[in-house]
Amino acid sequence: MSVNIEDIKKLKELSGIGLTDAKAALVEAGGDFDKALEALRKKGLTKAEKKGDRETRAGIIESYVHSDRIGVVVEVNCETDFVARLPEFKEFAHQIAMQIAAMAPKYSTMEDIPSDVYEAKKKELLESESLKDKPADMAEKIVEGQLKKYFAEQVLSEQVFVLDDSMTVGERIKEQIAKSGENIRISQFKRIELGVTE
C-alpha cells in the first residue's frame, strides 16, 4: 500500500526513528497516522523500560524561575555526556523544571516516598470505615489504588504532564529515553517559592 510521504516525515520527526521504519509503521497501521504513532510509542516505551536499569552518570543541572516568585533547580541524568549536551536533552530538562515549578511534587518516584510516610497513610486508609466489612485481600487492593491516587499529585513521575495532559511525567521520561537511546533519571530537585518555607 502507498502511504503519504508527508506522514512518513512527520512520523520520523515525532518518534525519532528512521524513514524506513516510519514507512513500515504506517503501512502496518493501514495508513492511519495516529494508530502508527501510538504503536511506535508503545514499542518505544517497551524499549525504554528495558533501558531503565542502566547507570546514569552524566547529565545536567537545569534551573527555571517563574515570575520571580518560584525557582526550581533539577538534576537530570543520562548515560553519556554526548546526550547530556544535546539541545533536545536540555529542552527536556527545562520541561521537567517547569513541571516542578507548576505542580510542586515532593518526590521523584513512588520509590522515593519515605517508608514511614507511606505506611502511615496505608494504615490510615486500611482503618477507614468503608473497608471494615471487606475481605482483607480486597481491602489491600482497594488501598493500593487509593495510595496511588493519593500520592499521584505528590510524585513527579505520577503527575499529569503539564505540557501534554494525555501522558504522565513518567511516560514523558520514557518517551525521552526512547528518543535518546539512553536511560534518563530525575535524581533530585529543589523548588523554592517566595514567602513559603517548608
Protein backbone atom coordinates (compact mmCIF):
# COMPACT_ATOMS: atom_id res chain seq x y z
CA MET A 1 0.00 0.00 0.00
CA SER A 2 1.25 3.53 -0.69
CA VAL A 3 1.49 5.94 2.21
CA ASN A 4 1.74 9.71 2.28
CA ILE A 5 5.39 10.89 2.23
CA GLU A 6 4.50 13.86 4.47
CA ASP A 7 3.08 11.45 7.06
CA ILE A 8 6.30 9.40 6.90
CA LYS A 9 8.41 12.53 7.51
CA LYS A 10 6.14 13.71 10.32
CA LEU A 11 6.20 10.27 11.98
CA LYS A 12 10.01 10.17 11.69
CA GLU A 13 10.23 13.61 13.29
CA LEU A 14 7.89 12.80 16.18
CA SER A 15 9.28 9.36 17.03
CA GLY A 16 12.98 9.78 16.24
CA ILE A 17 13.08 6.62 14.08
CA GLY A 18 14.39 6.18 10.51
CA LEU A 19 12.32 6.82 7.35
CA THR A 20 12.14 3.11 6.51
CA ASP A 21 10.80 2.24 9.98
CA ALA A 22 8.34 5.15 9.82
CA LYS A 23 7.03 3.94 6.46
CA ALA A 24 6.76 0.34 7.74
CA ALA A 25 4.80 1.54 10.80
CA LEU A 26 2.37 3.48 8.60
CA VAL A 27 1.88 0.52 6.27
CA GLU A 28 1.27 -1.73 9.29
CA ALA A 29 -1.32 0.76 10.59
CA GLY A 30 -3.09 0.84 7.20
CA GLY A 31 -2.03 4.45 6.61
CA ASP A 32 -3.60 5.66 9.88
CA PHE A 33 -1.08 8.19 11.25
CA ASP A 34 -2.38 8.25 14.85
CA LYS A 35 -2.51 4.46 15.02
CA ALA A 36 1.09 4.22 13.72
CA LEU A 37 2.30 6.82 16.23
CA GLU A 38 0.57 5.02 19.10
CA ALA A 39 2.11 1.67 18.05
CA LEU A 40 5.56 3.26 17.88
CA ARG A 41 5.07 4.95 21.24
CA LYS A 42 4.22 1.60 22.83
CA LYS A 43 7.27 -0.06 21.23
CA GLY A 44 9.45 2.84 22.33
CA LEU A 45 8.14 2.66 25.88
CA THR A 46 8.84 -1.08 25.97
CA LYS A 47 12.41 -0.44 24.85
CA ALA A 48 12.67 2.41 27.34
CA GLU A 49 11.64 0.14 30.21
CA LYS A 50 14.49 -2.25 29.31
CA LYS A 51 16.96 0.65 29.49
CA GLY A 52 15.66 1.67 32.92
CA ASP A 53 18.29 -0.33 34.82
CA ARG A 54 21.33 1.20 33.11
CA GLU A 55 23.55 3.58 35.08
CA THR A 56 23.13 7.32 34.64
CA ARG A 57 26.40 9.09 35.47
CA ALA A 58 26.22 12.04 33.08
CA GLY A 59 23.57 14.77 32.85
CA ILE A 60 22.87 18.42 33.57
CA ILE A 61 21.52 20.67 36.26
CA GLU A 62 18.71 22.82 34.91
CA SER A 63 17.12 25.82 36.58
CA TYR A 64 13.88 27.66 35.96
CA VAL A 65 12.43 30.79 37.57
CA HIS A 66 8.75 31.61 37.15
CA SER A 67 7.64 35.25 37.54
CA ASP A 68 10.45 35.90 40.05
CA ARG A 69 8.33 34.01 42.61
CA ILE A 70 9.08 30.31 42.07
CA GLY A 71 12.54 28.87 41.44
CA VAL A 72 13.48 25.30 40.56
CA VAL A 73 16.82 23.51 40.30
CA VAL A 74 16.71 19.95 38.95
CA GLU A 75 19.35 17.30 38.26
CA VAL A 76 18.52 15.25 35.17
CA ASN A 77 20.85 12.32 34.47
CA CYS A 78 21.60 10.27 31.38
CA GLU A 79 24.33 7.77 30.45
CA THR A 80 26.75 9.88 28.35
CA ASP A 81 27.99 13.46 28.05
CA PHE A 82 27.12 13.29 24.36
CA VAL A 83 23.39 13.01 25.12
CA ALA A 84 23.66 15.49 28.02
CA ARG A 85 24.93 18.16 25.58
CA LEU A 86 22.14 17.70 23.02
CA PRO A 87 19.67 20.62 22.74
CA GLU A 88 16.75 18.16 23.00
CA PHE A 89 18.06 16.93 26.34
CA LYS A 90 18.40 20.49 27.62
CA GLU A 91 14.85 21.22 26.43
CA PHE A 92 13.58 18.07 28.17
CA ALA A 93 15.29 19.08 31.44
CA HIS A 94 13.72 22.52 31.10
CA GLN A 95 10.27 20.97 30.68
CA ILE A 96 10.82 18.94 33.86
CA ALA A 97 11.87 22.09 35.74
CA MET A 98 8.68 23.83 34.52
CA GLN A 99 6.63 20.82 35.67
CA ILE A 100 8.16 21.02 39.15
CA ALA A 101 7.52 24.78 39.31
CA ALA A 102 3.86 24.32 38.29
CA MET A 103 2.94 21.17 40.24
CA ALA A 104 5.25 21.23 43.30
CA PRO A 105 5.94 17.49 43.64
CA LYS A 106 7.59 16.25 46.84
CA TYR A 107 9.15 13.06 45.48
CA SER A 108 10.66 12.00 42.16
CA THR A 109 9.20 8.43 42.04
CA MET A 110 6.95 6.25 44.22
CA GLU A 111 10.12 4.51 45.48
CA ASP A 112 11.34 7.84 46.90
CA ILE A 113 8.43 8.18 49.35
CA PRO A 114 9.83 7.51 52.85
CA SER A 115 8.50 4.17 54.08
CA ASP A 116 7.17 5.66 57.34
CA VAL A 117 5.12 8.24 55.37
CA TYR A 118 3.79 5.55 53.01
CA GLU A 119 3.00 3.07 55.79
CA ALA A 120 1.25 5.70 57.94
CA LYS A 121 -1.07 6.62 55.05
CA LYS A 122 -1.65 2.93 54.27
CA LYS A 123 -2.57 2.21 57.91
CA GLU A 124 -4.96 5.20 57.95
CA LEU A 125 -6.70 4.02 54.76
CA LEU A 126 -6.92 0.38 55.92
CA GLU A 127 -8.64 1.50 59.12
CA SER A 128 -11.29 3.55 57.32
CA GLU A 129 -14.96 2.76 57.96
CA SER A 130 -15.68 1.91 54.31
CA LEU A 131 -13.29 -1.07 54.41
CA LYS A 132 -14.48 -2.62 57.70
CA ASP A 133 -16.71 -5.25 56.02
CA LYS A 134 -14.36 -6.06 53.11
CA PRO A 135 -12.19 -9.23 52.99
CA ALA A 136 -8.53 -8.49 53.80
CA ASP A 137 -7.18 -9.19 50.29
CA MET A 138 -9.86 -6.99 48.69
CA ALA A 139 -9.18 -4.21 51.21
CA GLU A 140 -5.44 -4.41 50.33
CA LYS A 141 -6.21 -3.96 46.63
CA ILE A 142 -8.56 -1.05 47.25
CA VAL A 143 -5.99 0.66 49.49
CA GLU A 144 -3.26 0.12 46.88
CA GLY A 145 -5.36 2.05 44.38
CA GLN A 146 -6.15 4.75 46.94
CA LEU A 147 -2.45 5.15 47.81
CA LYS A 148 -1.51 5.52 44.16
CA LYS A 149 -4.22 8.15 43.75
CA TYR A 150 -3.25 9.95 46.98
CA PHE A 151 0.45 10.15 46.08
CA ALA A 152 -0.14 10.82 42.35
CA GLU A 153 0.00 14.59 42.84
CA GLN A 154 2.99 14.44 45.18
CA VAL A 155 5.14 12.17 42.98
CA LEU A 156 6.72 13.74 39.89
CA SER A 157 6.64 10.60 37.73
CA GLU A 158 2.93 10.03 38.50
CA GLN A 159 1.78 13.61 37.79
CA VAL A 160 -0.06 14.55 34.61
CA PHE A 161 2.48 16.23 32.32
CA VAL A 162 1.60 19.96 32.19
CA LEU A 163 2.67 20.39 28.55
CA ASP A 164 0.65 17.37 27.33
CA ASP A 165 -2.16 16.11 29.56
CA SER A 166 -2.51 12.90 27.55
CA MET A 167 0.51 11.49 29.42
CA THR A 168 2.14 11.37 32.83
CA VAL A 169 5.63 12.73 33.53
CA GLY A 170 6.78 9.09 33.82
CA GLU A 171 5.55 8.43 30.28
CA ARG A 172 7.24 11.63 29.07
CA ILE A 173 10.51 10.41 30.60
CA LYS A 174 10.11 7.03 28.86
CA GLU A 175 9.43 8.84 25.59
CA GLN A 176 12.69 10.76 26.03
CA ILE A 177 14.54 7.51 26.84
CA ALA A 178 13.19 6.00 23.61
CA LYS A 179 14.32 9.05 21.61
CA SER A 180 17.79 9.33 23.13
CA GLY A 181 18.51 5.60 23.37
CA GLU A 182 19.79 6.10 26.92
CA ASN A 183 18.39 5.70 30.40
CA ILE A 184 17.26 9.01 31.93
CA ARG A 185 16.59 9.73 35.59
CA ILE A 186 15.45 12.73 37.61
CA SER A 187 17.85 12.39 40.54
CA GLN A 188 16.95 15.36 42.70
CA PHE A 189 15.21 18.69 42.65
CA LYS A 190 14.56 21.69 44.83
CA ARG A 191 11.63 24.06 44.48
CA ILE A 192 11.61 27.42 46.25
CA GLU A 193 8.55 29.64 46.45
CA LEU A 194 8.75 33.24 47.64
CA GLY A 195 7.50 33.53 51.22
CA VAL A 196 6.90 29.79 51.62
CA THR A 197 9.16 27.76 53.91
CA GLU A 198 8.87 24.02 54.35
